[in-house]
PDB file of N, CA and C in Angstrom:
ATOM      1  N   UNK A   1       1.501 -18.457  -0.949  1.00  0.00           N
ATOM      2  CA  UNK A   1       0.509 -17.462  -0.573  1.00  0.00           C
ATOM      3  C   UNK A   1       1.150 -16.075  -0.643  1.00  0.00           C
ATOM      4  N   UNK A   2       0.495 -15.169  -1.331  1.00  0.00           N
ATOM      5  CA  UNK A   2       1.041 -13.826  -1.505  1.00  0.00           C
ATOM      6  C   UNK A   2       0.887 -13.002  -0.225  1.00  0.00           C
ATOM      7  N   UNK A   3       1.904 -12.190   0.035  1.00  0.00           N
ATOM      8  CA  UNK A   3       1.908 -11.390   1.252  1.00  0.00           C
ATOM      9  C   UNK A   3       1.700  -9.917   0.908  1.00  0.00           C
ATOM     10  N   UNK A   4       0.871  -9.286   1.722  1.00  0.00           N
ATOM     11  CA  UNK A   4       0.517  -7.884   1.509  1.00  0.00           C
ATOM     12  C   UNK A   4       0.801  -7.110   2.789  1.00  0.00           C
ATOM     13  N   UNK A   5       1.450  -5.962   2.633  1.00  0.00           N
ATOM     14  CA  UNK A   5       1.688  -5.055   3.746  1.00  0.00           C
ATOM     15  C   UNK A   5       0.847  -3.805   3.535  1.00  0.00           C
ATOM     16  N   UNK A   6       0.149  -3.416   4.590  1.00  0.00           N
ATOM     17  CA  UNK A   6      -0.635  -2.176   4.591  1.00  0.00           C
ATOM     18  C   UNK A   6       0.146  -1.160   5.426  1.00  0.00           C
ATOM     19  N   UNK A   7       0.435   0.000   4.839  1.00  0.00           N
ATOM     20  CA  UNK A   7       1.033   1.099   5.599  1.00  0.00           C
ATOM     21  C   UNK A   7       0.036   2.251   5.578  1.00  0.00           C
ATOM     22  N   UNK A   8      -0.525   2.521   6.754  1.00  0.00           N
ATOM     23  CA  UNK A   8      -1.578   3.534   6.879  1.00  0.00           C
ATOM     24  C   UNK A   8      -1.619   3.967   8.331  1.00  0.00           C
ATOM     25  N   UNK A   9      -1.854   5.235   8.588  1.00  0.00           N
ATOM     26  CA  UNK A   9      -1.935   5.708   9.968  1.00  0.00           C
ATOM     27  C   UNK A   9      -3.306   5.481  10.586  1.00  0.00           C
ATOM     28  N   UNK A  10      -4.283   5.067   9.801  1.00  0.00           N
ATOM     29  CA  UNK A  10      -5.628   4.777  10.307  1.00  0.00           C
ATOM     30  C   UNK A  10      -5.647   3.329  10.811  1.00  0.00           C
ATOM     31  N   UNK A  11      -5.466   3.158  12.108  1.00  0.00           N
ATOM     32  CA  UNK A  11      -5.336   1.828  12.702  1.00  0.00           C
ATOM     33  C   UNK A  11      -6.597   1.004  12.484  1.00  0.00           C
ATOM     34  N   UNK A  12      -7.767   1.587  12.706  1.00  0.00           N
ATOM     35  CA  UNK A  12      -9.015   0.835  12.571  1.00  0.00           C
ATOM     36  C   UNK A  12      -9.201   0.342  11.139  1.00  0.00           C
ATOM     37  N   UNK A  13      -9.034   1.211  10.164  1.00  0.00           N
ATOM     38  CA  UNK A  13      -9.181   0.826   8.765  1.00  0.00           C
ATOM     39  C   UNK A  13      -8.156  -0.242   8.383  1.00  0.00           C
ATOM     40  N   UNK A  14      -6.924  -0.061   8.820  1.00  0.00           N
ATOM     41  CA  UNK A  14      -5.862  -1.004   8.495  1.00  0.00           C
ATOM     42  C   UNK A  14      -6.164  -2.393   9.048  1.00  0.00           C
ATOM     43  N   UNK A  15      -6.646  -2.443  10.283  1.00  0.00           N
ATOM     44  CA  UNK A  15      -6.954  -3.739  10.888  1.00  0.00           C
ATOM     45  C   UNK A  15      -8.133  -4.421  10.201  1.00  0.00           C
ATOM     46  N   UNK A  16      -9.130  -3.650   9.804  1.00  0.00           N
ATOM     47  CA  UNK A  16     -10.272  -4.217   9.073  1.00  0.00           C
ATOM     48  C   UNK A  16      -9.806  -4.751   7.725  1.00  0.00           C
ATOM     49  N   UNK A  17      -9.033  -3.959   7.002  1.00  0.00           N
ATOM     50  CA  UNK A  17      -8.532  -4.383   5.693  1.00  0.00           C
ATOM     51  C   UNK A  17      -7.643  -5.615   5.830  1.00  0.00           C
ATOM     52  N   UNK A  18      -6.798  -5.635   6.835  1.00  0.00           N
ATOM     53  CA  UNK A  18      -5.926  -6.794   7.072  1.00  0.00           C
ATOM     54  C   UNK A  18      -6.765  -8.060   7.234  1.00  0.00           C
ATOM     55  N   UNK A  19      -7.818  -7.985   8.015  1.00  0.00           N
ATOM     56  CA  UNK A  19      -8.674  -9.157   8.233  1.00  0.00           C
ATOM     57  C   UNK A  19      -9.426  -9.544   6.957  1.00  0.00           C
ATOM     58  N   UNK A  20      -9.891  -8.547   6.207  1.00  0.00           N
ATOM     59  CA  UNK A  20     -10.579  -8.839   4.937  1.00  0.00           C
ATOM     60  C   UNK A  20      -9.643  -9.577   3.975  1.00  0.00           C
ATOM     61  N   UNK A  21      -8.398  -9.143   3.909  1.00  0.00           N
ATOM     62  CA  UNK A  21      -7.420  -9.779   3.019  1.00  0.00           C
ATOM     63  C   UNK A  21      -7.091 -11.195   3.485  1.00  0.00           C
ATOM     64  N   UNK A  22      -6.986 -11.381   4.782  1.00  0.00           N
ATOM     65  CA  UNK A  22      -6.720 -12.722   5.320  1.00  0.00           C
ATOM     66  C   UNK A  22      -7.884 -13.667   5.029  1.00  0.00           C
ATOM     67  N   UNK A  23      -9.101 -13.154   5.110  1.00  0.00           N
ATOM     68  CA  UNK A  23     -10.282 -13.986   4.852  1.00  0.00           C
ATOM     69  C   UNK A  23     -10.330 -14.520   3.428  1.00  0.00           C
ATOM     70  N   UNK A  24      -9.733 -13.802   2.486  1.00  0.00           N
ATOM     71  CA  UNK A  24      -9.730 -14.273   1.091  1.00  0.00           C
ATOM     72  C   UNK A  24      -8.422 -14.983   0.724  1.00  0.00           C
ATOM     73  N   UNK A  25      -7.562 -15.217   1.725  1.00  0.00           N
ATOM     74  CA  UNK A  25      -6.410 -16.068   1.495  1.00  0.00           C
ATOM     75  C   UNK A  25      -5.049 -15.415   1.396  1.00  0.00           C
ATOM     76  N   UNK A  26      -4.959 -14.116   1.578  1.00  0.00           N
ATOM     77  CA  UNK A  26      -3.657 -13.463   1.546  1.00  0.00           C
ATOM     78  C   UNK A  26      -3.023 -13.469   2.940  1.00  0.00           C
ATOM     79  N   UNK A  27      -1.713 -13.420   2.978  1.00  0.00           N
ATOM     80  CA  UNK A  27      -1.003 -13.136   4.211  1.00  0.00           C
ATOM     81  C   UNK A  27      -0.940 -11.613   4.284  1.00  0.00           C
ATOM     82  N   UNK A  28      -1.441 -11.034   5.348  1.00  0.00           N
ATOM     83  CA  UNK A  28      -1.512  -9.573   5.432  1.00  0.00           C
ATOM     84  C   UNK A  28      -1.026  -9.086   6.783  1.00  0.00           C
ATOM     85  N   UNK A  29      -0.282  -7.989   6.746  1.00  0.00           N
ATOM     86  CA  UNK A  29       0.181  -7.303   7.951  1.00  0.00           C
ATOM     87  C   UNK A  29      -0.131  -5.825   7.797  1.00  0.00           C
ATOM     88  N   UNK A  30      -0.300  -5.147   8.920  1.00  0.00           N
ATOM     89  CA  UNK A  30      -0.558  -3.706   8.902  1.00  0.00           C
ATOM     90  C   UNK A  30       0.450  -3.006   9.799  1.00  0.00           C
ATOM     91  N   UNK A  31       0.999  -1.924   9.295  1.00  0.00           N
ATOM     92  CA  UNK A  31       1.903  -1.072  10.064  1.00  0.00           C
ATOM     93  C   UNK A  31       1.338   0.338  10.006  1.00  0.00           C
ATOM     94  N   UNK A  32       1.441   1.045  11.122  1.00  0.00           N
ATOM     95  CA  UNK A  32       0.692   2.277  11.309  1.00  0.00           C
ATOM     96  C   UNK A  32       1.565   3.520  11.157  1.00  0.00           C
ATOM     97  N   UNK A  33       2.096   3.692   9.970  1.00  0.00           N
ATOM     98  CA  UNK A  33       2.914   4.855   9.671  1.00  0.00           C
ATOM     99  C   UNK A  33       4.100   4.451   8.820  1.00  0.00           C
ATOM    100  N   UNK A  34       4.687   5.450   8.168  1.00  0.00           N
ATOM    101  CA  UNK A  34       5.770   5.199   7.215  1.00  0.00           C
ATOM    102  C   UNK A  34       6.993   4.582   7.875  1.00  0.00           C
ATOM    103  N   UNK A  35       7.392   5.094   9.024  1.00  0.00           N
ATOM    104  CA  UNK A  35       8.601   4.604   9.679  1.00  0.00           C
ATOM    105  C   UNK A  35       8.439   3.146  10.087  1.00  0.00           C
ATOM    106  N   UNK A  36       7.314   2.828  10.720  1.00  0.00           N
ATOM    107  CA  UNK A  36       7.043   1.445  11.139  1.00  0.00           C
ATOM    108  C   UNK A  36       6.966   0.526   9.918  1.00  0.00           C
ATOM    109  N   UNK A  37       6.327   0.997   8.857  1.00  0.00           N
ATOM    110  CA  UNK A  37       6.210   0.200   7.639  1.00  0.00           C
ATOM    111  C   UNK A  37       7.546  -0.039   6.972  1.00  0.00           C
ATOM    112  N   UNK A  38       8.383   0.992   6.895  1.00  0.00           N
ATOM    113  CA  UNK A  38       9.708   0.836   6.285  1.00  0.00           C
ATOM    114  C   UNK A  38      10.584  -0.100   7.104  1.00  0.00           C
ATOM    115  N   UNK A  39      10.477  -0.040   8.414  1.00  0.00           N
ATOM    116  CA  UNK A  39      11.225  -0.981   9.260  1.00  0.00           C
ATOM    117  C   UNK A  39      10.804  -2.418   8.962  1.00  0.00           C
ATOM    118  N   UNK A  40       9.510  -2.626   8.800  1.00  0.00           N
ATOM    119  CA  UNK A  40       9.013  -3.966   8.481  1.00  0.00           C
ATOM    120  C   UNK A  40       9.556  -4.420   7.120  1.00  0.00           C
ATOM    121  N   UNK A  41       9.558  -3.531   6.155  1.00  0.00           N
ATOM    122  CA  UNK A  41      10.039  -3.869   4.808  1.00  0.00           C
ATOM    123  C   UNK A  41      11.519  -4.253   4.788  1.00  0.00           C
ATOM    124  N   UNK A  42      12.306  -3.678   5.679  1.00  0.00           N
ATOM    125  CA  UNK A  42      13.734  -3.998   5.728  1.00  0.00           C
ATOM    126  C   UNK A  42      13.975  -5.464   6.084  1.00  0.00           C
ATOM    127  N   UNK A  43      13.074  -6.029   6.876  1.00  0.00           N
ATOM    128  CA  UNK A  43      13.291  -7.371   7.414  1.00  0.00           C
ATOM    129  C   UNK A  43      12.355  -8.431   6.874  1.00  0.00           C
ATOM    130  N   UNK A  44      11.451  -8.068   5.982  1.00  0.00           N
ATOM    131  CA  UNK A  44      10.452  -9.017   5.492  1.00  0.00           C
ATOM    132  C   UNK A  44      10.240  -8.832   3.998  1.00  0.00           C
ATOM    133  N   UNK A  45      10.086  -9.943   3.306  1.00  0.00           N
ATOM    134  CA  UNK A  45       9.769  -9.887   1.883  1.00  0.00           C
ATOM    135  C   UNK A  45       8.252  -9.879   1.731  1.00  0.00           C
ATOM    136  N   UNK A  46       7.774  -8.930   0.946  1.00  0.00           N
ATOM    137  CA  UNK A  46       6.336  -8.881   0.676  1.00  0.00           C
ATOM    138  C   UNK A  46       6.134  -8.840  -0.835  1.00  0.00           C
ATOM    139  N   UNK A  47       4.933  -9.194  -1.256  1.00  0.00           N
ATOM    140  CA  UNK A  47       4.596  -9.176  -2.675  1.00  0.00           C
ATOM    141  C   UNK A  47       3.923  -7.872  -3.096  1.00  0.00           C
ATOM    142  N   UNK A  48       3.199  -7.247  -2.165  1.00  0.00           N
ATOM    143  CA  UNK A  48       2.419  -6.057  -2.501  1.00  0.00           C
ATOM    144  C   UNK A  48       2.334  -5.132  -1.301  1.00  0.00           C
ATOM    145  N   UNK A  49       2.430  -3.844  -1.590  1.00  0.00           N
ATOM    146  CA  UNK A  49       2.283  -2.817  -0.569  1.00  0.00           C
ATOM    147  C   UNK A  49       1.037  -1.994  -0.873  1.00  0.00           C
ATOM    148  N   UNK A  50       0.143  -1.889   0.117  1.00  0.00           N
ATOM    149  CA  UNK A  50      -0.997  -0.969   0.044  1.00  0.00           C
ATOM    150  C   UNK A  50      -0.602   0.237   0.884  1.00  0.00           C
ATOM    151  N   UNK A  51      -0.474   1.379   0.247  1.00  0.00           N
ATOM    152  CA  UNK A  51       0.154   2.542   0.867  1.00  0.00           C
ATOM    153  C   UNK A  51      -0.763   3.755   0.885  1.00  0.00           C
ATOM    154  N   UNK A  52      -0.947   4.311   2.073  1.00  0.00           N
ATOM    155  CA  UNK A  52      -1.657   5.574   2.219  1.00  0.00           C
ATOM    156  C   UNK A  52      -0.681   6.712   1.918  1.00  0.00           C
ATOM    157  N   UNK A  53      -1.174   7.816   1.406  1.00  0.00           N
ATOM    158  CA  UNK A  53      -0.312   8.959   1.125  1.00  0.00           C
ATOM    159  C   UNK A  53      -0.245   9.940   2.279  1.00  0.00           C
ATOM    160  N   UNK A  54      -1.381  10.213   2.907  1.00  0.00           N
ATOM    161  CA  UNK A  54      -1.448  11.259   3.922  1.00  0.00           C
ATOM    162  C   UNK A  54      -1.280  10.661   5.317  1.00  0.00           C
ATOM    163  N   UNK A  55      -0.047  10.751   5.829  1.00  0.00           N
ATOM    164  CA  UNK A  55       0.254  10.259   7.171  1.00  0.00           C
ATOM    165  C   UNK A  55       1.073  11.335   7.867  1.00  0.00           C
ATOM    166  N   UNK A  56       1.038  11.348   9.215  1.00  0.00           N
ATOM    167  CA  UNK A  56       1.840  12.357   9.921  1.00  0.00           C
ATOM    168  C   UNK A  56       3.335  12.092   9.704  1.00  0.00           C
ATOM    169  N   UNK A  57       4.204  12.288  10.520  1.00  0.00           N
ATOM    170  CA  UNK A  57       5.659  12.092  10.437  1.00  0.00           C
ATOM    171  C   UNK A  57       6.207  12.046   9.014  1.00  0.00           C
ATOM    172  N   UNK A  58       6.048  10.977   8.282  1.00  0.00           N
ATOM    173  CA  UNK A  58       6.512  10.839   6.892  1.00  0.00           C
ATOM    174  C   UNK A  58       5.317  10.392   6.055  1.00  0.00           C
ATOM    175  N   UNK A  59       5.137  11.003   4.891  1.00  0.00           N
ATOM    176  CA  UNK A  59       3.968  10.651   4.072  1.00  0.00           C
ATOM    177  C   UNK A  59       4.282   9.507   3.105  1.00  0.00           C
ATOM    178  N   UNK A  60       3.263   9.100   2.368  1.00  0.00           N
ATOM    179  CA  UNK A  60       3.424   8.011   1.420  1.00  0.00           C
ATOM    180  C   UNK A  60       4.388   8.330   0.292  1.00  0.00           C
ATOM    181  N   UNK A  61       4.486   9.589  -0.096  1.00  0.00           N
ATOM    182  CA  UNK A  61       5.444   9.956  -1.140  1.00  0.00           C
ATOM    183  C   UNK A  61       6.874   9.721  -0.666  1.00  0.00           C
ATOM    184  N   UNK A  62       7.122   9.931   0.608  1.00  0.00           N
ATOM    185  CA  UNK A  62       8.443   9.633   1.172  1.00  0.00           C
ATOM    186  C   UNK A  62       8.758   8.151   0.976  1.00  0.00           C
ATOM    187  N   UNK A  63       7.780   7.294   1.273  1.00  0.00           N
ATOM    188  CA  UNK A  63       7.960   5.846   1.107  1.00  0.00           C
ATOM    189  C   UNK A  63       8.196   5.516  -0.361  1.00  0.00           C
ATOM    190  N   UNK A  64       7.364   6.063  -1.247  1.00  0.00           N
ATOM    191  CA  UNK A  64       7.522   5.806  -2.681  1.00  0.00           C
ATOM    192  C   UNK A  64       8.901   6.242  -3.176  1.00  0.00           C
ATOM    193  N   UNK A  65       9.333   7.419  -2.766  1.00  0.00           N
ATOM    194  CA  UNK A  65      10.638   7.937  -3.200  1.00  0.00           C
ATOM    195  C   UNK A  65      11.778   7.063  -2.688  1.00  0.00           C
ATOM    196  N   UNK A  66      11.686   6.635  -1.446  1.00  0.00           N
ATOM    197  CA  UNK A  66      12.726   5.786  -0.874  1.00  0.00           C
ATOM    198  C   UNK A  66      12.786   4.429  -1.584  1.00  0.00           C
ATOM    199  N   UNK A  67      11.636   3.821  -1.818  1.00  0.00           N
ATOM    200  CA  UNK A  67      11.605   2.523  -2.505  1.00  0.00           C
ATOM    201  C   UNK A  67      12.111   2.653  -3.938  1.00  0.00           C
ATOM    202  N   UNK A  68      11.767   3.746  -4.607  1.00  0.00           N
ATOM    203  CA  UNK A  68      12.250   3.965  -5.973  1.00  0.00           C
ATOM    204  C   UNK A  68      13.771   4.147  -5.976  1.00  0.00           C
ATOM    205  N   UNK A  69      14.300   4.912  -5.029  1.00  0.00           N
ATOM    206  CA  UNK A  69      15.743   5.141  -4.951  1.00  0.00           C
ATOM    207  C   UNK A  69      16.495   3.846  -4.668  1.00  0.00           C
ATOM    208  N   UNK A  70      15.887   2.972  -3.867  1.00  0.00           N
ATOM    209  CA  UNK A  70      16.505   1.688  -3.526  1.00  0.00           C
ATOM    210  C   UNK A  70      16.285   0.641  -4.627  1.00  0.00           C
ATOM    211  N   UNK A  71      15.491   1.011  -5.638  1.00  0.00           N
ATOM    212  CA  UNK A  71      15.106   0.077  -6.698  1.00  0.00           C
ATOM    213  C   UNK A  71      14.461  -1.178  -6.114  1.00  0.00           C
ATOM    214  N   UNK A  72      13.655  -0.975  -5.080  1.00  0.00           N
ATOM    215  CA  UNK A  72      12.930  -2.065  -4.440  1.00  0.00           C
ATOM    216  C   UNK A  72      11.827  -2.524  -5.395  1.00  0.00           C
ATOM    217  N   UNK A  73      11.780  -3.821  -5.724  1.00  0.00           N
ATOM    218  CA  UNK A  73      10.829  -4.300  -6.725  1.00  0.00           C
ATOM    219  C   UNK A  73       9.404  -4.537  -6.222  1.00  0.00           C
ATOM    220  N   UNK A  74       9.115  -4.178  -4.982  1.00  0.00           N
ATOM    221  CA  UNK A  74       7.780  -4.442  -4.451  1.00  0.00           C
ATOM    222  C   UNK A  74       6.717  -3.732  -5.291  1.00  0.00           C
ATOM    223  N   UNK A  75       5.605  -4.411  -5.504  1.00  0.00           N
ATOM    224  CA  UNK A  75       4.477  -3.817  -6.231  1.00  0.00           C
ATOM    225  C   UNK A  75       3.672  -2.976  -5.246  1.00  0.00           C
ATOM    226  N   UNK A  76       3.154  -1.850  -5.749  1.00  0.00           N
ATOM    227  CA  UNK A  76       2.517  -0.884  -4.859  1.00  0.00           C
ATOM    228  C   UNK A  76       1.169  -0.441  -5.414  1.00  0.00           C
ATOM    229  N   UNK A  77       0.175  -0.412  -4.521  1.00  0.00           N
ATOM    230  CA  UNK A  77      -1.114   0.220  -4.803  1.00  0.00           C
ATOM    231  C   UNK A  77      -1.282   1.331  -3.767  1.00  0.00           C
ATOM    232  N   UNK A  78      -1.502   2.539  -4.244  1.00  0.00           N
ATOM    233  CA  UNK A  78      -1.783   3.649  -3.342  1.00  0.00           C
ATOM    234  C   UNK A  78      -3.270   3.593  -3.008  1.00  0.00           C
ATOM    235  N   UNK A  79      -3.555   3.690  -1.707  1.00  0.00           N
ATOM    236  CA  UNK A  79      -4.923   3.636  -1.200  1.00  0.00           C
ATOM    237  C   UNK A  79      -5.100   4.856  -0.303  1.00  0.00           C
ATOM    238  N   UNK A  80      -5.790   5.892  -0.807  1.00  0.00           N
ATOM    239  CA  UNK A  80      -5.823   7.157  -0.080  1.00  0.00           C
ATOM    240  C   UNK A  80      -7.175   7.854  -0.151  1.00  0.00           C
ATOM    241  N   UNK A  81      -7.460   8.611   0.878  1.00  0.00           N
ATOM    242  CA  UNK A  81      -8.687   9.415   0.899  1.00  0.00           C
ATOM    243  C   UNK A  81      -8.459  10.774   0.244  1.00  0.00           C
ATOM    244  N   UNK A  82      -7.204  11.140   0.066  1.00  0.00           N
ATOM    245  CA  UNK A  82      -6.863  12.456  -0.482  1.00  0.00           C
ATOM    246  C   UNK A  82      -6.379  12.294  -1.920  1.00  0.00           C
ATOM    247  N   UNK A  83      -7.323  12.017  -2.791  1.00  0.00           N
ATOM    248  CA  UNK A  83      -6.983  11.715  -4.182  1.00  0.00           C
ATOM    249  C   UNK A  83      -7.156  12.944  -5.067  1.00  0.00           C
ATOM    250  N   UNK A  84      -6.172  13.144  -5.909  1.00  0.00           N
ATOM    251  CA  UNK A  84      -6.280  14.140  -6.968  1.00  0.00           C
ATOM    252  C   UNK A  84      -5.374  13.681  -8.103  1.00  0.00           C
ATOM    253  N   UNK A  85      -5.563  14.269  -9.253  1.00  0.00           N
ATOM    254  CA  UNK A  85      -4.813  13.850 -10.445  1.00  0.00           C
ATOM    255  C   UNK A  85      -3.310  13.989 -10.231  1.00  0.00           C
ATOM    256  N   UNK A  86      -2.881  15.067  -9.629  1.00  0.00           N
ATOM    257  CA  UNK A  86      -1.455  15.274  -9.399  1.00  0.00           C
ATOM    258  C   UNK A  86      -0.844  14.179  -8.541  1.00  0.00           C
ATOM    259  N   UNK A  87      -1.556  13.791  -7.487  1.00  0.00           N
ATOM    260  CA  UNK A  87      -1.066  12.723  -6.613  1.00  0.00           C
ATOM    261  C   UNK A  87      -1.021  11.386  -7.350  1.00  0.00           C
ATOM    262  N   UNK A  88      -2.019  11.135  -8.163  1.00  0.00           N
ATOM    263  CA  UNK A  88      -2.052   9.884  -8.926  1.00  0.00           C
ATOM    264  C   UNK A  88      -0.886   9.824  -9.912  1.00  0.00           C
ATOM    265  N   UNK A  89      -0.631  10.910 -10.602  1.00  0.00           N
ATOM    266  CA  UNK A  89       0.473  10.950 -11.574  1.00  0.00           C
ATOM    267  C   UNK A  89       1.814  10.807 -10.861  1.00  0.00           C
ATOM    268  N   UNK A  90       1.984  11.545  -9.772  1.00  0.00           N
ATOM    269  CA  UNK A  90       3.249  11.466  -9.024  1.00  0.00           C
ATOM    270  C   UNK A  90       3.465  10.051  -8.481  1.00  0.00           C
ATOM    271  N   UNK A  91       2.397   9.421  -7.984  1.00  0.00           N
ATOM    272  CA  UNK A  91       2.491   8.052  -7.464  1.00  0.00           C
ATOM    273  C   UNK A  91       2.917   7.083  -8.561  1.00  0.00           C
ATOM    274  N   UNK A  92       2.316   7.223  -9.736  1.00  0.00           N
ATOM    275  CA  UNK A  92       2.658   6.338 -10.857  1.00  0.00           C
ATOM    276  C   UNK A  92       4.116   6.529 -11.272  1.00  0.00           C
ATOM    277  N   UNK A  93       4.565   7.775 -11.322  1.00  0.00           N
ATOM    278  CA  UNK A  93       5.956   8.045 -11.699  1.00  0.00           C
ATOM    279  C   UNK A  93       6.941   7.450 -10.701  1.00  0.00           C
ATOM    280  N   UNK A  94       6.503   7.317  -9.453  1.00  0.00           N
ATOM    281  CA  UNK A  94       7.364   6.760  -8.409  1.00  0.00           C
ATOM    282  C   UNK A  94       7.186   5.248  -8.248  1.00  0.00           C
ATOM    283  N   UNK A  95       6.392   4.636  -9.129  1.00  0.00           N
ATOM    284  CA  UNK A  95       6.332   3.172  -9.133  1.00  0.00           C
ATOM    285  C   UNK A  95       5.028   2.541  -8.711  1.00  0.00           C
ATOM    286  N   UNK A  96       4.031   3.320  -8.324  1.00  0.00           N
ATOM    287  CA  UNK A  96       2.754   2.717  -7.948  1.00  0.00           C
ATOM    288  C   UNK A  96       2.048   2.175  -9.186  1.00  0.00           C
ATOM    289  N   UNK A  97       1.482   0.990  -9.056  1.00  0.00           N
ATOM    290  CA  UNK A  97       0.796   0.349 -10.177  1.00  0.00           C
ATOM    291  C   UNK A  97      -0.672   0.730 -10.270  1.00  0.00           C
ATOM    292  N   UNK A  98      -1.257   1.162  -9.153  1.00  0.00           N
ATOM    293  CA  UNK A  98      -2.665   1.554  -9.160  1.00  0.00           C
ATOM    294  C   UNK A  98      -2.872   2.594  -8.068  1.00  0.00           C
ATOM    295  N   UNK A  99      -4.000   3.301  -8.158  1.00  0.00           N
ATOM    296  CA  UNK A  99      -4.323   4.401  -7.262  1.00  0.00           C
ATOM    297  C   UNK A  99      -5.805   4.284  -6.952  1.00  0.00           C
ATOM    298  N   UNK A 100      -6.143   3.964  -5.712  1.00  0.00           N
ATOM    299  CA  UNK A 100      -7.532   3.720  -5.319  1.00  0.00           C
ATOM    300  C   UNK A 100      -7.906   4.682  -4.199  1.00  0.00           C
ATOM    301  N   UNK A 101      -9.108   5.222  -4.281  1.00  0.00           N
ATOM    302  CA  UNK A 101      -9.556   6.166  -3.262  1.00  0.00           C
ATOM    303  C   UNK A 101     -10.333   5.462  -2.155  1.00  0.00           C
ATOM    304  N   UNK A 102     -10.205   6.041  -0.959  1.00  0.00           N
ATOM    305  CA  UNK A 102     -10.988   5.592   0.189  1.00  0.00           C
ATOM    306  C   UNK A 102     -12.241   6.449   0.239  1.00  0.00           C
ATOM    307  N   UNK A 103     -13.342   5.943   0.704  1.00  0.00           N
ATOM    308  CA  UNK A 103     -13.489   4.562   1.149  1.00  0.00           C
ATOM    309  C   UNK A 103     -13.446   3.623  -0.048  1.00  0.00           C
ATOM    310  N   UNK A 104     -12.767   2.514   0.107  1.00  0.00           N
ATOM    311  CA  UNK A 104     -12.601   1.572  -0.990  1.00  0.00           C
ATOM    312  C   UNK A 104     -13.768   0.594  -1.055  1.00  0.00           C
ATOM    313  N   UNK A 105     -14.014   0.094  -2.245  1.00  0.00           N
ATOM    314  CA  UNK A 105     -14.950  -1.011  -2.450  1.00  0.00           C
ATOM    315  C   UNK A 105     -14.096  -2.277  -2.425  1.00  0.00           C
ATOM    316  N   UNK A 106     -14.390  -3.210  -1.516  1.00  0.00           N
ATOM    317  CA  UNK A 106     -13.538  -4.381  -1.350  1.00  0.00           C
ATOM    318  C   UNK A 106     -13.413  -5.184  -2.644  1.00  0.00           C
ATOM    319  N   UNK A 107     -14.499  -5.375  -3.363  1.00  0.00           N
ATOM    320  CA  UNK A 107     -14.423  -6.149  -4.604  1.00  0.00           C
ATOM    321  C   UNK A 107     -13.506  -5.468  -5.624  1.00  0.00           C
ATOM    322  N   UNK A 108     -13.624  -4.176  -5.764  1.00  0.00           N
ATOM    323  CA  UNK A 108     -12.751  -3.442  -6.690  1.00  0.00           C
ATOM    324  C   UNK A 108     -11.295  -3.496  -6.240  1.00  0.00           C
ATOM    325  N   UNK A 109     -11.067  -3.384  -4.938  1.00  0.00           N
ATOM    326  CA  UNK A 109      -9.710  -3.464  -4.415  1.00  0.00           C
ATOM    327  C   UNK A 109      -9.115  -4.847  -4.678  1.00  0.00           C
ATOM    328  N   UNK A 110      -9.898  -5.893  -4.465  1.00  0.00           N
ATOM    329  CA  UNK A 110      -9.399  -7.251  -4.709  1.00  0.00           C
ATOM    330  C   UNK A 110      -9.075  -7.478  -6.179  1.00  0.00           C
ATOM    331  N   UNK A 111      -9.879  -6.907  -7.066  1.00  0.00           N
ATOM    332  CA  UNK A 111      -9.576  -7.005  -8.505  1.00  0.00           C
ATOM    333  C   UNK A 111      -8.245  -6.322  -8.802  1.00  0.00           C
ATOM    334  N   UNK A 112      -8.053  -5.142  -8.234  1.00  0.00           N
ATOM    335  CA  UNK A 112      -6.796  -4.422  -8.447  1.00  0.00           C
ATOM    336  C   UNK A 112      -5.615  -5.207  -7.884  1.00  0.00           C
ATOM    337  N   UNK A 113      -5.774  -5.766  -6.690  1.00  0.00           N
ATOM    338  CA  UNK A 113      -4.704  -6.551  -6.080  1.00  0.00           C
ATOM    339  C   UNK A 113      -4.326  -7.730  -6.980  1.00  0.00           C
ATOM    340  N   UNK A 114      -5.309  -8.468  -7.447  1.00  0.00           N
ATOM    341  CA  UNK A 114      -5.031  -9.620  -8.323  1.00  0.00           C
ATOM    342  C   UNK A 114      -4.319  -9.167  -9.588  1.00  0.00           C
ATOM    343  N   UNK A 115      -4.799  -8.087 -10.169  1.00  0.00           N
ATOM    344  CA  UNK A 115      -4.200  -7.563 -11.399  1.00  0.00           C
ATOM    345  C   UNK A 115      -2.732  -7.169 -11.180  1.00  0.00           C
ATOM    346  N   UNK A 116      -2.487  -6.404 -10.128  1.00  0.00           N
ATOM    347  CA  UNK A 116      -1.136  -5.929  -9.868  1.00  0.00           C
ATOM    348  C   UNK A 116      -0.204  -7.082  -9.492  1.00  0.00           C
ATOM    349  N   UNK A 117      -0.670  -8.029  -8.710  1.00  0.00           N
ATOM    350  CA  UNK A 117       0.181  -9.148  -8.333  1.00  0.00           C
ATOM    351  C   UNK A 117       0.590 -10.002  -9.526  1.00  0.00           C
ATOM    352  N   UNK A 118      -0.250 -10.033 -10.541  1.00  0.00           N
ATOM    353  CA  UNK A 118       0.032 -10.899 -11.687  1.00  0.00           C
ATOM    354  C   UNK A 118       0.519 -10.131 -12.902  1.00  0.00           C
ATOM    355  N   UNK A 119       1.008  -8.916 -12.699  1.00  0.00           N
ATOM    356  CA  UNK A 119       1.577  -8.123 -13.788  1.00  0.00           C
ATOM    357  C   UNK A 119       2.948  -8.668 -14.159  1.00  0.00           C
TER     358      UNK A 119
END
């Protein structure tokens, strides 16, 4: 069973998404910020990271840059409400496989997840 980590400062959205992913058969966890998410990544193997860009303390680009520097092979989908072309390009250059805007359509997100997991 594939495992997915959600890193997002929106607790309500993260918990809803976590439950939606579990309902379709994924193992899913949610961490509420970059620091908490990175701590989880140090101690757990995951198959996919769903990452928000706009968070207080440390943003999603910080996470992307750190994972790229560590050559961490985790697959990443950026899931953000603050989407623009520059952010999408920067995310891709730092290793994100897809870039989805919030509010997300669950069916479209699941298609992206399946695609990225099987790349």
